[in-house]
Protein backbone atom coordinates (compact mmCIF):
# COMPACT_ATOMS: atom_id res chain seq x y z
CA MET A 1 149.44 132.36 218.81
CA ASN A 2 149.04 129.58 216.27
CA ILE A 3 146.64 126.75 217.25
CA PRO A 4 145.85 124.49 214.25
CA THR A 5 142.28 123.18 214.47
CA GLU A 6 143.14 119.71 213.10
CA LEU A 7 145.31 118.84 216.12
CA GLN A 8 144.51 117.83 219.68
CA TYR A 9 146.24 119.32 222.71
CA THR A 10 147.19 118.62 226.31
CA LYS A 11 147.04 121.02 229.24
CA SER A 12 150.83 120.57 229.49
CA HIS A 13 151.19 122.10 225.98
CA GLU A 14 151.91 119.12 223.73
CA TRP A 15 150.07 118.60 220.44
CA LEU A 16 148.92 115.28 219.00
CA LYS A 17 148.03 114.26 215.48
CA MET A 18 146.82 110.73 214.66
CA GLU A 19 148.06 109.32 211.33
CA ASP A 20 146.88 105.79 210.48
CA GLY A 21 146.88 104.69 214.11
CA VAL A 22 150.24 106.34 214.87
CA ALA A 23 150.32 109.30 217.27
CA VAL A 24 152.64 112.16 216.23
CA VAL A 25 153.57 114.32 219.25
CA GLY A 26 155.26 117.72 219.55
CA LEU A 27 155.31 120.95 221.57
CA THR A 28 152.83 123.73 220.88
CA ASP A 29 153.52 127.26 219.72
CA PHE A 30 152.46 128.49 223.19
CA ALA A 31 155.04 126.19 224.84
CA GLN A 32 157.96 127.15 222.62
CA ASP A 33 157.11 130.84 223.01
CA SER A 34 156.95 130.51 226.81
CA LEU A 35 160.23 128.59 226.95
CA GLY A 36 162.22 130.91 224.72
CA ASP A 37 165.12 129.67 222.59
CA ILE A 38 165.33 125.89 222.82
CA VAL A 39 168.97 124.76 222.92
CA PHE A 40 168.73 121.02 223.68
CA VAL A 41 166.18 118.22 223.21
CA ASN A 42 166.33 114.87 225.04
CA LEU A 43 164.23 112.14 223.37
CA PRO A 44 163.56 108.45 224.08
CA GLN A 45 164.77 105.62 221.83
CA PRO A 46 162.60 103.74 219.30
CA GLY A 47 161.05 100.79 221.12
CA ASP A 48 160.82 102.62 224.45
CA PRO A 49 157.40 102.57 226.13
CA VAL A 50 155.62 105.86 226.88
CA ASN A 51 152.73 106.42 229.27
CA ALA A 52 149.96 109.00 229.01
CA GLY A 53 150.56 111.81 231.47
CA GLU A 54 154.23 110.93 232.05
CA ALA A 55 157.41 112.56 230.73
CA PHE A 56 159.14 110.87 227.79
CA GLY A 57 161.85 113.49 227.32
CA ASP A 58 162.71 117.08 228.01
CA VAL A 59 163.70 120.33 226.37
CA GLU A 60 166.27 122.78 227.62
CA SER A 61 165.83 126.44 226.82
CA VAL A 62 167.66 129.57 227.81
CA LYS A 63 165.07 129.91 230.61
CA ALA A 64 164.55 126.39 232.00
CA VAL A 65 164.47 122.63 231.50
CA SER A 66 160.94 121.33 230.94
CA ASP A 67 159.56 117.80 230.68
CA VAL A 68 157.72 116.76 227.54
CA ILE A 69 154.63 114.78 228.58
CA SER A 70 153.15 112.00 226.47
CA PRO A 71 149.47 112.50 225.60
CA VAL A 72 149.09 108.73 224.94
CA SER A 73 150.47 105.39 226.05
CA GLY A 74 152.27 103.17 223.55
CA VAL A 75 155.66 102.35 222.08
CA VAL A 76 158.00 104.85 220.40
CA LEU A 77 158.08 104.02 216.68
CA GLU A 78 160.35 106.87 215.61
CA VAL A 79 162.08 109.94 217.02
CA ASN A 80 162.80 113.14 215.13
CA GLU A 81 166.61 112.89 214.89
CA GLU A 82 166.70 116.31 213.20
CA LEU A 83 165.79 117.96 216.53
CA LEU A 84 168.83 116.44 218.24
CA ASP A 85 171.09 118.33 215.82
CA ASN A 86 168.93 121.44 215.50
CA PRO A 87 166.63 121.96 218.53
CA ALA A 88 165.83 125.49 217.31
CA LEU A 89 163.43 123.92 214.78
CA VAL A 90 160.92 123.72 217.65
CA ASN A 91 160.98 127.52 217.91
CA GLU A 92 160.93 128.04 214.13
CA ASP A 93 158.05 125.69 213.25
CA PRO A 94 156.57 123.91 216.30
CA TYR A 95 153.89 122.04 214.36
CA ASN A 96 156.34 120.45 211.92
CA ALA A 97 159.08 119.85 214.51
CA TRP A 98 157.48 116.70 215.94
CA PHE A 99 159.30 114.85 218.74
CA VAL A 100 158.11 111.24 218.57
CA LYS A 101 155.77 108.94 216.69
CA VAL A 102 154.03 106.42 218.95
CA GLU A 103 152.46 103.14 217.83
CA GLN A 104 150.29 100.62 219.73
CA VAL A 105 148.44 103.66 221.05
CA THR A 106 146.21 103.13 224.09
CA GLY A 107 144.81 105.32 226.87
CA GLU A 108 144.79 108.91 225.79
CA GLU A 109 145.20 111.60 228.40
CA GLU A 110 142.42 114.16 228.50
CA LEU A 111 142.89 115.88 225.14
CA LEU A 112 141.57 119.30 224.18
CA ASP A 113 140.37 120.57 220.83
CA ALA A 114 141.77 123.84 219.48
CA GLY A 115 139.07 126.01 221.08
CA ALA A 116 139.44 124.44 224.52
CA TYR A 117 143.23 124.67 224.29
CA GLU A 118 143.07 128.34 223.32
CA ALA A 119 140.84 129.01 226.37
CA HIS A 120 143.29 127.05 228.57
CA CYS A 121 146.22 129.16 227.33
CA ALA A 122 144.31 132.39 227.87
CA ALA A 123 143.49 131.34 231.45
CA GLU A 124 147.17 130.47 232.07
CA GLU A 125 148.30 133.86 230.86
CA GLY A 126 145.86 135.33 233.37
C-alpha cells in the first residue's frame, strides 16, 4: 500500500495536500483498492461550499457507491474534469488523480500523518 509521507489523511480515506493555501483533495490508495474498479465520479461545481467531515461528492465502483468526505471547509476552486471522463485514473494513480482544490480553507477535520494513517488502515483490515 502506497502512503506518501508528504500528505495528510482522514480516517475516511481521503488525502490532503496544501499548496499555497489551497487544499488539494483525493482518495487514497487504500480506498481505491478497497472499492475496486471505479466507474463513475460525482463532483461539486467550482464555487460550491464544502464542509469538513461532510460529503462533497461520491464515487461509484463495481462494488458500491461511496461518499467522498471533505477534510476541510472552504470553497471549491477547481474540480478535476479529467476524472469525469476517465474515473479509472483514481485506480491507476490515486495520488495524482485529485478530486477538488479548495480555497478559503478553514476548520480542518482531524488529519493523520502517514504513520498514523498506516496504523489506522492496518486496524481496519483487522
